[in-house]
Protein backbone atom coordinates (compact mmCIF):
# COMPACT_ATOMS: atom_id res chain seq x y z
CA MET A 1 -168.76 -213.68 155.10
CA PRO A 2 -169.33 -210.28 153.33
CA GLN A 3 -172.91 -209.53 152.58
CA PRO A 4 -173.83 -209.43 148.95
CA GLU A 5 -173.80 -205.83 147.59
CA LEU A 6 -177.23 -204.19 146.88
CA SER A 7 -178.14 -203.59 143.01
CA ILE A 8 -178.00 -200.06 141.82
CA LEU A 9 -181.89 -199.91 142.17
CA GLU A 10 -181.79 -201.29 145.50
CA THR A 11 -179.32 -198.84 146.39
CA ALA A 12 -181.40 -195.85 145.01
CA HIS A 13 -184.05 -197.07 146.96
CA ALA A 14 -182.25 -197.30 150.27
CA TYR A 15 -180.96 -193.83 150.12
CA PHE A 16 -184.43 -192.63 149.30
CA ASN A 17 -186.07 -194.30 152.08
CA GLU A 18 -183.34 -193.01 154.61
CA SER A 19 -184.36 -189.46 153.21
CA CYS A 20 -187.87 -190.19 154.02
CA ASP A 21 -187.07 -191.40 157.58
CA LEU A 22 -185.12 -188.06 158.04
CA LEU A 23 -187.99 -185.99 156.66
CA GLU A 24 -190.51 -188.21 158.35
CA ILE A 25 -192.44 -188.44 155.02
CA ASP A 26 -195.67 -190.62 155.26
CA ASP A 27 -195.85 -193.90 153.62
CA GLY A 28 -198.60 -192.73 150.90
CA MET A 29 -196.08 -190.19 149.55
CA ARG A 30 -193.20 -192.68 149.70
CA GLU A 31 -195.20 -194.91 147.38
CA VAL A 32 -195.75 -191.96 145.11
CA LEU A 33 -192.12 -191.28 144.97
CA LEU A 34 -190.69 -194.70 144.74
CA HIS A 35 -192.49 -195.85 141.70
CA PRO A 36 -191.88 -194.26 138.06
CA TRP A 37 -194.89 -192.21 136.63
CA ARG A 38 -194.37 -194.06 133.30
CA GLU A 39 -192.12 -196.74 131.76
CA LEU A 40 -191.93 -197.85 128.10
CA SER A 41 -190.06 -201.08 126.90
CA VAL A 42 -189.60 -201.22 123.20
CA SER A 43 -188.26 -203.77 120.67
CA LEU A 44 -186.02 -202.17 118.09
CA PRO A 45 -185.49 -204.28 114.78
CA VAL A 46 -182.82 -202.76 112.64
CA ARG A 47 -181.31 -203.81 109.33
CA MET A 48 -177.66 -204.56 109.69
CA ASP A 49 -174.95 -203.82 107.14
CA ASP A 50 -174.94 -207.46 106.21
CA GLY A 51 -178.76 -207.43 105.19
CA GLY A 52 -179.90 -209.33 108.40
CA ILE A 53 -182.13 -208.14 111.04
CA LYS A 54 -181.10 -207.65 114.79
CA VAL A 55 -183.58 -206.70 117.50
CA PHE A 56 -182.40 -204.72 120.36
CA ASN A 57 -184.25 -203.86 123.61
CA GLY A 58 -184.87 -200.21 124.52
CA PHE A 59 -186.25 -198.39 127.43
CA ARG A 60 -187.42 -194.99 128.53
CA VAL A 61 -188.54 -194.46 132.12
CA GLN A 62 -190.04 -191.25 133.33
CA HIS A 63 -189.57 -191.38 137.25
CA ASN A 64 -191.31 -188.01 138.33
CA GLY A 65 -192.47 -184.84 136.46
CA ALA A 66 -193.82 -182.81 139.29
CA ARG A 67 -191.22 -179.97 138.83
CA GLY A 68 -191.13 -179.86 135.01
CA PRO A 69 -190.55 -181.71 131.81
CA TYR A 70 -188.71 -185.09 132.31
CA LYS A 71 -184.87 -184.78 131.80
CA GLY A 72 -182.40 -187.64 131.57
CA GLY A 73 -179.86 -189.22 129.29
CA VAL A 74 -179.91 -192.11 126.87
CA ARG A 75 -177.36 -194.82 127.56
CA PHE A 76 -176.39 -197.26 124.91
CA SER A 77 -174.80 -200.13 126.88
CA PRO A 78 -175.18 -204.09 127.26
CA GLY A 79 -176.18 -203.49 130.86
CA ALA A 80 -178.87 -200.88 130.27
CA ASP A 81 -181.76 -203.25 131.42
CA ALA A 82 -185.00 -202.06 132.96
CA ASP A 83 -183.93 -201.86 136.47
CA HIS A 84 -180.75 -200.09 135.73
CA THR A 85 -182.70 -197.25 133.63
CA ARG A 86 -185.24 -197.06 136.65
CA ALA A 87 -182.56 -196.35 139.24
CA LEU A 88 -180.95 -193.70 136.94
CA ALA A 89 -184.18 -192.19 136.24
CA MET A 90 -184.89 -191.82 140.02
CA LEU A 91 -181.40 -190.39 140.49
CA MET A 92 -182.03 -187.84 137.97
CA THR A 93 -185.25 -186.67 139.71
CA TRP A 94 -183.16 -186.01 142.96
CA LYS A 95 -180.31 -184.44 140.84
CA THR A 96 -182.70 -181.77 138.99
CA ALA A 97 -184.44 -181.07 142.49
CA LEU A 98 -181.21 -180.71 144.25
CA VAL A 99 -179.65 -178.03 142.01
CA ASP A 100 -183.09 -176.42 141.39
CA ILE A 101 -183.50 -176.42 137.70
CA PRO A 102 -187.16 -177.01 136.48
CA PHE A 103 -187.21 -180.72 135.26
CA GLY A 104 -188.27 -184.08 136.51
CA GLY A 105 -186.20 -187.24 136.00
CA ALA A 106 -185.94 -189.67 133.42
CA LYS A 107 -183.58 -192.09 131.82
CA GLY A 108 -183.43 -194.17 128.49
CA GLY A 109 -181.42 -197.30 127.58
CA VAL A 110 -180.62 -199.49 124.81
CA GLN A 111 -178.94 -202.88 125.33
CA VAL A 112 -176.20 -202.71 122.75
CA ARG A 113 -172.35 -202.23 122.94
CA PRO A 114 -172.05 -199.27 120.40
CA SER A 115 -168.54 -200.55 119.30
CA ASP A 116 -170.17 -203.53 117.96
CA LEU A 117 -171.98 -201.54 115.23
CA SER A 118 -170.78 -199.60 112.31
CA GLU A 119 -171.59 -195.89 112.10
CA ALA A 120 -174.53 -196.49 109.73
CA GLU A 121 -176.04 -199.09 112.02
CA LEU A 122 -175.76 -196.96 115.07
CA ASN A 123 -177.50 -194.30 113.15
CA ARG A 124 -180.48 -196.69 112.30
CA LEU A 125 -180.74 -198.04 115.89
CA THR A 126 -180.77 -194.39 117.09
CA ARG A 127 -183.55 -193.38 114.47
CA ARG A 128 -185.54 -196.53 115.51
CA TYR A 129 -185.36 -195.83 119.16
CA THR A 130 -186.37 -192.38 118.83
CA GLN A 131 -189.29 -193.27 116.50
CA ALA A 132 -190.42 -195.88 119.09
CA ILE A 133 -190.53 -193.45 122.21
CA SER A 134 -191.33 -190.14 120.00
CA HIS A 135 -195.00 -190.09 121.43
CA ILE A 136 -193.67 -189.60 125.19
CA ILE A 137 -190.59 -187.06 124.39
CA GLY A 138 -190.45 -183.61 123.13
CA PRO A 139 -189.44 -180.01 124.45
CA GLN A 140 -192.19 -179.73 126.93
CA ARG A 141 -192.42 -183.56 127.88
CA ASP A 142 -189.16 -185.13 128.07
CA ILE A 143 -185.95 -184.10 126.90
CA PRO A 144 -183.09 -186.72 126.15
CA ALA A 145 -179.21 -186.16 126.47
CA PRO A 146 -176.22 -188.10 125.86
CA ASP A 147 -175.01 -190.70 128.36
CA MET A 148 -172.66 -193.49 128.44
CA GLY A 149 -172.33 -194.89 125.07
CA THR A 150 -173.89 -191.98 123.22
CA ASN A 151 -172.61 -188.45 122.13
CA ALA A 152 -173.57 -185.33 120.44
CA GLN A 153 -173.75 -187.25 117.15
CA VAL A 154 -176.35 -189.67 118.46
CA MET A 155 -178.35 -186.36 119.78
CA ALA A 156 -178.08 -184.99 116.30
CA TRP A 157 -179.70 -188.27 114.87
CA MET A 158 -182.41 -188.24 117.71
CA MET A 159 -183.12 -184.53 116.98
CA ASP A 160 -183.49 -185.23 113.23
CA ALA A 161 -185.66 -188.40 113.68
CA TYR A 162 -187.92 -186.39 116.24
CA GLY A 163 -188.11 -183.53 113.81
CA GLN A 164 -189.19 -185.65 110.89
CA LEU A 165 -192.24 -186.65 113.04
CA HIS A 166 -192.93 -183.27 115.06
CA GLY A 167 -191.36 -180.57 112.88
CA TYR A 168 -187.98 -178.72 113.52
CA SER A 169 -187.58 -179.13 117.52
CA PRO A 170 -183.94 -178.30 118.57
CA GLY A 171 -185.19 -178.40 122.29
CA SER A 172 -186.16 -181.91 121.85
CA VAL A 173 -182.72 -183.20 122.89
CA THR A 174 -179.72 -181.59 124.61
CA GLY A 175 -176.05 -182.38 124.20
CA LYS A 176 -176.27 -181.53 120.60
CA PRO A 177 -173.50 -180.34 118.25
CA ILE A 178 -173.01 -176.74 118.34
CA GLU A 179 -173.75 -176.56 114.65
CA LEU A 180 -177.30 -177.82 115.50
CA GLY A 181 -178.16 -175.64 118.47
CA GLY A 182 -175.94 -176.99 121.04
CA SER A 183 -174.69 -174.92 123.91
CA TYR A 184 -171.19 -173.91 124.21
CA GLY A 185 -169.50 -175.42 127.40
CA ARG A 186 -172.05 -178.50 127.41
CA GLU A 187 -169.27 -181.05 126.37
CA ALA A 188 -167.18 -180.00 129.39
CA ALA A 189 -169.94 -179.15 131.87
CA THR A 190 -169.91 -182.29 134.08
CA GLY A 191 -166.22 -182.47 134.29
CA ARG A 192 -166.08 -178.71 135.15
CA GLY A 193 -168.99 -179.04 137.64
CA VAL A 194 -167.16 -181.88 139.33
CA CYS A 195 -164.29 -179.80 139.80
CA ASP A 196 -166.33 -176.81 140.96
CA ILE A 197 -167.72 -179.05 143.67
CA ALA A 198 -164.27 -180.41 144.78
CA MET A 199 -163.16 -176.85 145.26
CA LEU A 200 -165.97 -175.96 147.46
CA ALA A 201 -165.83 -179.24 149.51
CA ALA A 202 -162.02 -178.84 149.88
CA THR A 203 -162.40 -175.37 151.36
CA ASP A 204 -165.09 -176.74 153.88
CA ALA A 205 -162.75 -179.66 154.63
CA GLY A 206 -159.63 -177.35 155.22
CA LEU A 207 -157.76 -178.44 151.98
CA ASP A 208 -155.98 -175.99 149.88
CA MET A 209 -156.71 -176.90 146.18
CA HIS A 210 -153.37 -175.33 145.04
CA GLY A 211 -151.09 -178.42 145.35
CA ALA A 212 -153.76 -180.82 146.43
CA THR A 213 -153.31 -184.19 145.01
CA VAL A 214 -156.04 -185.78 142.77
CA ALA A 215 -156.41 -189.23 141.41
CA ILE A 216 -159.17 -189.55 138.71
CA GLN A 217 -160.59 -193.14 137.78
CA GLY A 218 -161.90 -192.79 134.30
CA PHE A 219 -160.53 -191.01 131.23
CA GLY A 220 -163.62 -190.43 129.27
CA ASN A 221 -165.48 -187.21 128.74
CA VAL A 222 -166.09 -186.34 132.54
CA GLY A 223 -162.64 -187.72 133.50
CA SER A 224 -160.60 -185.68 130.99
CA PHE A 225 -162.46 -182.41 131.36
CA ALA A 226 -162.03 -182.60 135.25
CA ALA A 227 -158.54 -183.46 135.13
CA ARG A 228 -157.97 -180.40 132.91
CA ARG A 229 -160.05 -178.14 135.33
CA MET A 230 -158.33 -179.52 138.32
CA GLU A 231 -154.96 -178.50 136.78
CA GLU A 232 -156.00 -175.02 136.14
CA THR A 233 -156.92 -174.63 139.83
CA GLY A 234 -153.60 -175.44 140.85
CA ALA A 235 -154.27 -179.03 141.86
CA LYS A 236 -151.88 -181.67 141.12
CA VAL A 237 -153.42 -184.73 139.14
CA VAL A 238 -151.08 -187.61 140.14
CA ALA A 239 -153.12 -190.44 138.76
CA LEU A 240 -155.29 -191.01 135.72
CA SER A 241 -156.70 -194.28 134.32
CA ASP A 242 -158.69 -195.71 131.48
CA ARG A 243 -160.26 -199.22 131.00
CA THR A 244 -156.83 -200.86 130.64
CA CYS A 245 -154.63 -199.25 133.39
CA ALA A 246 -153.69 -196.17 135.20
CA ALA A 247 -150.69 -193.66 134.88
CA TYR A 248 -149.23 -192.53 138.27
CA ASP A 249 -146.80 -189.91 139.09
CA PRO A 250 -146.58 -188.75 142.69
CA ALA A 251 -144.96 -185.57 141.61
CA GLY A 252 -147.84 -184.79 139.12
CA LEU A 253 -148.66 -186.13 135.66
CA ASP A 254 -147.74 -184.00 132.75
CA LEU A 255 -151.30 -183.91 131.28
CA ASP A 256 -150.34 -182.66 128.03
CA GLN A 257 -148.02 -185.67 127.38
CA VAL A 258 -150.65 -188.08 128.86
CA PHE A 259 -153.40 -186.94 126.64
CA GLU A 260 -151.23 -186.97 123.56
CA HIS A 261 -150.47 -190.58 124.19
CA LYS A 262 -154.19 -191.33 124.72
CA ALA A 263 -155.05 -189.50 121.57
CA ARG A 264 -152.31 -191.20 119.61
CA THR A 265 -152.70 -194.64 120.65
CA GLY A 266 -156.41 -195.00 122.17
CA THR A 267 -155.17 -196.04 125.53
CA LEU A 268 -152.94 -195.48 128.48
CA GLU A 269 -151.20 -198.53 128.13
CA GLY A 270 -147.62 -198.10 127.31
CA CYS A 271 -147.75 -194.44 128.53
CA PRO A 272 -144.07 -193.69 129.31
CA TRP A 273 -145.03 -190.83 131.50
CA GLY A 274 -145.49 -192.00 135.15
CA GLU A 275 -145.71 -195.47 136.68
CA THR A 276 -148.17 -197.99 135.36
CA ILE A 277 -150.55 -199.15 137.92
CA SER A 278 -153.99 -200.83 137.92
CA ASN A 279 -157.49 -199.41 138.11
CA GLU A 280 -157.76 -201.02 141.52
CA GLN A 281 -154.72 -199.46 142.81
CA ILE A 282 -155.59 -196.08 141.75
CA LEU A 283 -158.55 -195.94 144.08
CA GLU A 284 -156.28 -196.71 147.00
CA LEU A 285 -153.66 -194.13 146.46
CA GLU A 286 -153.02 -191.79 149.43
CA VAL A 287 -154.39 -188.48 147.75
CA ASP A 288 -156.24 -185.62 148.89
CA ILE A 289 -159.18 -186.13 146.45
CA LEU A 290 -160.33 -189.12 144.69
CA VAL A 291 -162.64 -188.77 141.68
CA PRO A 292 -164.33 -191.96 140.57
CA ALA A 293 -165.44 -190.92 136.96
CA ALA A 294 -165.72 -194.30 135.28
CA ILE A 295 -168.58 -196.81 136.10
CA GLU A 296 -170.48 -197.56 138.95
CA GLY A 297 -169.78 -200.08 141.84
CA VAL A 298 -165.99 -199.62 141.84
CA ILE A 299 -165.60 -198.98 145.67
CA THR A 300 -167.08 -201.94 147.52
CA THR A 301 -167.12 -203.46 150.98
CA GLU A 302 -163.92 -205.26 150.06
CA ASN A 303 -161.89 -202.19 149.30
CA ALA A 304 -163.61 -199.37 151.29
CA GLY A 305 -161.32 -199.98 154.09
CA ASN A 306 -158.41 -199.26 152.05
CA ILE A 307 -159.42 -195.99 150.50
CA ARG A 308 -156.89 -193.44 151.81
CA ALA A 309 -158.30 -190.09 150.05
CA LYS A 310 -159.53 -187.41 152.21
CA LEU A 311 -162.43 -186.36 149.96
CA ILE A 312 -164.22 -188.53 147.42
CA VAL A 313 -166.05 -186.60 144.85
CA GLU A 314 -168.43 -188.86 142.65
CA ALA A 315 -168.18 -188.06 139.03
CA ALA A 316 -169.66 -191.47 137.83
CA ASN A 317 -173.31 -192.81 138.97
CA SER A 318 -173.14 -194.61 141.89
CA PRO A 319 -169.39 -195.54 141.86
CA ILE A 320 -169.66 -196.63 145.67
CA THR A 321 -171.75 -199.37 146.76
CA TYR A 322 -174.29 -198.80 149.63
CA GLY A 323 -172.24 -201.30 151.96
CA ALA A 324 -169.04 -199.39 151.01
CA ASP A 325 -170.71 -196.11 151.61
CA ALA A 326 -171.49 -197.00 155.26
CA ILE A 327 -167.82 -198.02 155.85
CA LEU A 328 -166.56 -194.81 154.55
CA LYS A 329 -168.97 -192.83 156.69
CA LYS A 330 -167.89 -194.79 159.81
CA ARG A 331 -164.27 -193.91 158.88
CA GLY A 332 -164.99 -190.30 158.43
CA VAL A 333 -164.21 -189.82 154.71
CA THR A 334 -166.04 -187.08 153.16
CA VAL A 335 -168.17 -188.13 150.15
CA ILE A 336 -169.67 -185.73 147.83
CA PRO A 337 -172.70 -187.82 146.20
CA ASP A 338 -173.32 -188.34 142.42
CA ILE A 339 -176.53 -186.42 142.54
CA LEU A 340 -174.56 -183.31 143.41
CA ALA A 341 -171.10 -183.87 141.97
CA ASN A 342 -172.08 -184.81 138.35
CA ALA A 343 -174.80 -182.21 137.88
CA GLY A 344 -173.04 -179.94 135.62
CA GLY A 345 -174.17 -181.79 132.82
CA VAL A 346 -177.95 -181.58 133.39
CA ILE A 347 -177.43 -178.01 134.53
CA VAL A 348 -175.91 -177.01 131.33
CA SER A 349 -178.37 -179.05 129.44
CA TYR A 350 -181.07 -176.90 131.14
CA PHE A 351 -179.13 -174.02 129.90
CA GLU A 352 -179.27 -175.46 126.22
CA TRP A 353 -182.91 -176.25 126.26
CA ALA A 354 -183.44 -172.52 127.47
CA GLN A 355 -181.38 -171.14 124.68
CA ASN A 356 -183.07 -173.29 122.02
CA ILE A 357 -186.60 -171.95 123.30
CA GLN A 358 -185.44 -168.52 123.22
CA ARG A 359 -183.61 -168.87 119.87
CA PHE A 360 -180.74 -166.94 121.45
CA ARG A 361 -177.20 -168.52 122.07
CA TRP A 362 -175.26 -167.71 125.30
CA THR A 363 -171.55 -166.95 125.25
CA LEU A 364 -169.28 -169.66 126.86
CA GLU A 365 -168.37 -167.27 129.54
CA ARG A 366 -172.19 -166.91 130.61
CA VAL A 367 -172.62 -170.61 130.45
CA ASN A 368 -169.64 -171.21 132.70
CA ASP A 369 -170.68 -168.51 135.17
CA GLU A 370 -174.21 -169.63 135.38
CA LEU A 371 -173.01 -173.24 135.89
CA HIS A 372 -170.76 -172.41 138.91
CA THR A 373 -173.53 -170.18 140.35
CA THR A 374 -176.02 -172.77 140.11
CA ILE A 375 -174.10 -176.04 141.16
CA SER A 376 -172.62 -173.90 144.01
CA ARG A 377 -176.06 -173.30 145.26
CA GLY A 378 -176.90 -176.91 145.18
CA TYR A 379 -173.75 -177.53 147.39
CA GLU A 380 -174.58 -174.71 149.85
CA ARG A 381 -178.02 -176.27 150.40
CA THR A 382 -176.51 -179.63 150.86
CA ARG A 383 -173.84 -178.48 153.37
CA ASP A 384 -176.31 -176.50 155.23
CA MET A 385 -178.61 -179.53 155.54
CA ALA A 386 -175.81 -181.64 156.62
CA LYS A 387 -174.80 -179.21 159.46
CA GLU A 388 -178.45 -178.64 160.44
CA ARG A 389 -179.18 -182.53 160.61
CA ASN A 390 -175.59 -183.68 161.63
CA VAL A 391 -175.73 -186.23 158.67
CA THR A 392 -173.54 -186.78 155.81
CA HIS A 393 -173.47 -184.84 152.40
CA ARG A 394 -175.19 -187.70 150.52
CA GLU A 395 -177.98 -187.98 153.31
CA ALA A 396 -178.32 -184.30 153.14
CA ALA A 397 -178.45 -184.03 149.26
CA TYR A 398 -181.13 -186.73 149.30
CA ALA A 399 -183.14 -184.89 151.97
CA VAL A 400 -182.92 -181.42 150.29
CA ALA A 401 -184.02 -183.15 146.72
CA VAL A 402 -186.87 -185.35 148.02
CA ASP A 403 -188.14 -182.40 150.21
CA ALA A 404 -188.25 -180.32 147.01
CA VAL A 405 -190.20 -182.86 144.88
CA VAL A 406 -192.69 -183.53 147.84
CA LYS A 407 -193.54 -179.55 148.13
CA ALA A 408 -194.07 -179.54 144.24
CA ILE A 409 -196.51 -182.61 144.33
CA ASP A 410 -198.20 -180.85 147.44
CA LEU A 411 -198.51 -177.67 145.62
CA ARG A 412 -199.84 -179.06 142.46
CA GLY A 413 -202.54 -181.00 144.26
CA PHE A 414 -203.09 -183.74 142.11
CA ILE A 415 -203.10 -186.61 144.49
């Protein structure tokens, strides 16, 4: 009988403890790094369009700030509970440390399905949430960003709500519209970074990106930009999925046609280009590169043995369960972990924050060049650690990140 899967928080703790074992970190420091430095739970009463009042639950978890201000997205989702937010805050600490940008890790969440609210209700909820956490965020304290269920418009509302309390502060959030101080390239950054990492890992694995077959599960912001970028490199995107189904063509999808159908109908269902398959089937295709870019926990102990991709690049947070990761490791499948693969978003968020502080906007070319340089260095540190310690890319990435945070804590000398 299969063992129950670990939760996302249990998984984050398990990977962390493995890295501590590898680095021989003492129990006291483990305790410091395991627990968030601050957690805030808030109740958010919102006047609905029908005149009634509904109360939503919100959270902001600041995991560790030894390396700089806290940084992390705000997720609007029914599943954005306290444990989920804690886990993602911890992952952000390791992500910023791994790619060496001067931030700590945080995460925010509101338990709501955004599609259930009107635009006016979503605006009021965003402002109420911002007001409730305003005393612990700010350009030098904690800088929120978009995540699942939020976008540039939500960040604009957050910036305005924060500014009404503290004065004009474009650096209080990132992922804003260009018109309000956002950075060129921010919207595409996570997907672009996924592709850059895939190219580096493919080279090390002896795969030629030109003509390499790629399957991408997830047609949101990250998956769509990753698909376009993969095509630009010469790779062949053979499958692409959204919530309803996947389009598959072993000869390579016509992305222009697929994107047009999605834009026109809002779904891949009924797409006349390629064969229609399920979201489960796309994960088990025989491809060179698999990019899970949707939600967590899609590759489990039940289907890990059926994965036929040579290389998996985790564009989503925790798309592979802890048990499944062990199976893939045993099978010799190379997995590039989420804390590296999807770091492009927080990297360009850092660039946006720096531009806001400088009051000087970078060109798109500079943003993309700096993104490639920064994420490539993170990959090189991971690869070198993996070779040095004879461990997987995930084990190496966590070790590099945890070691950086431990050194920062020791150097600051506050414990």
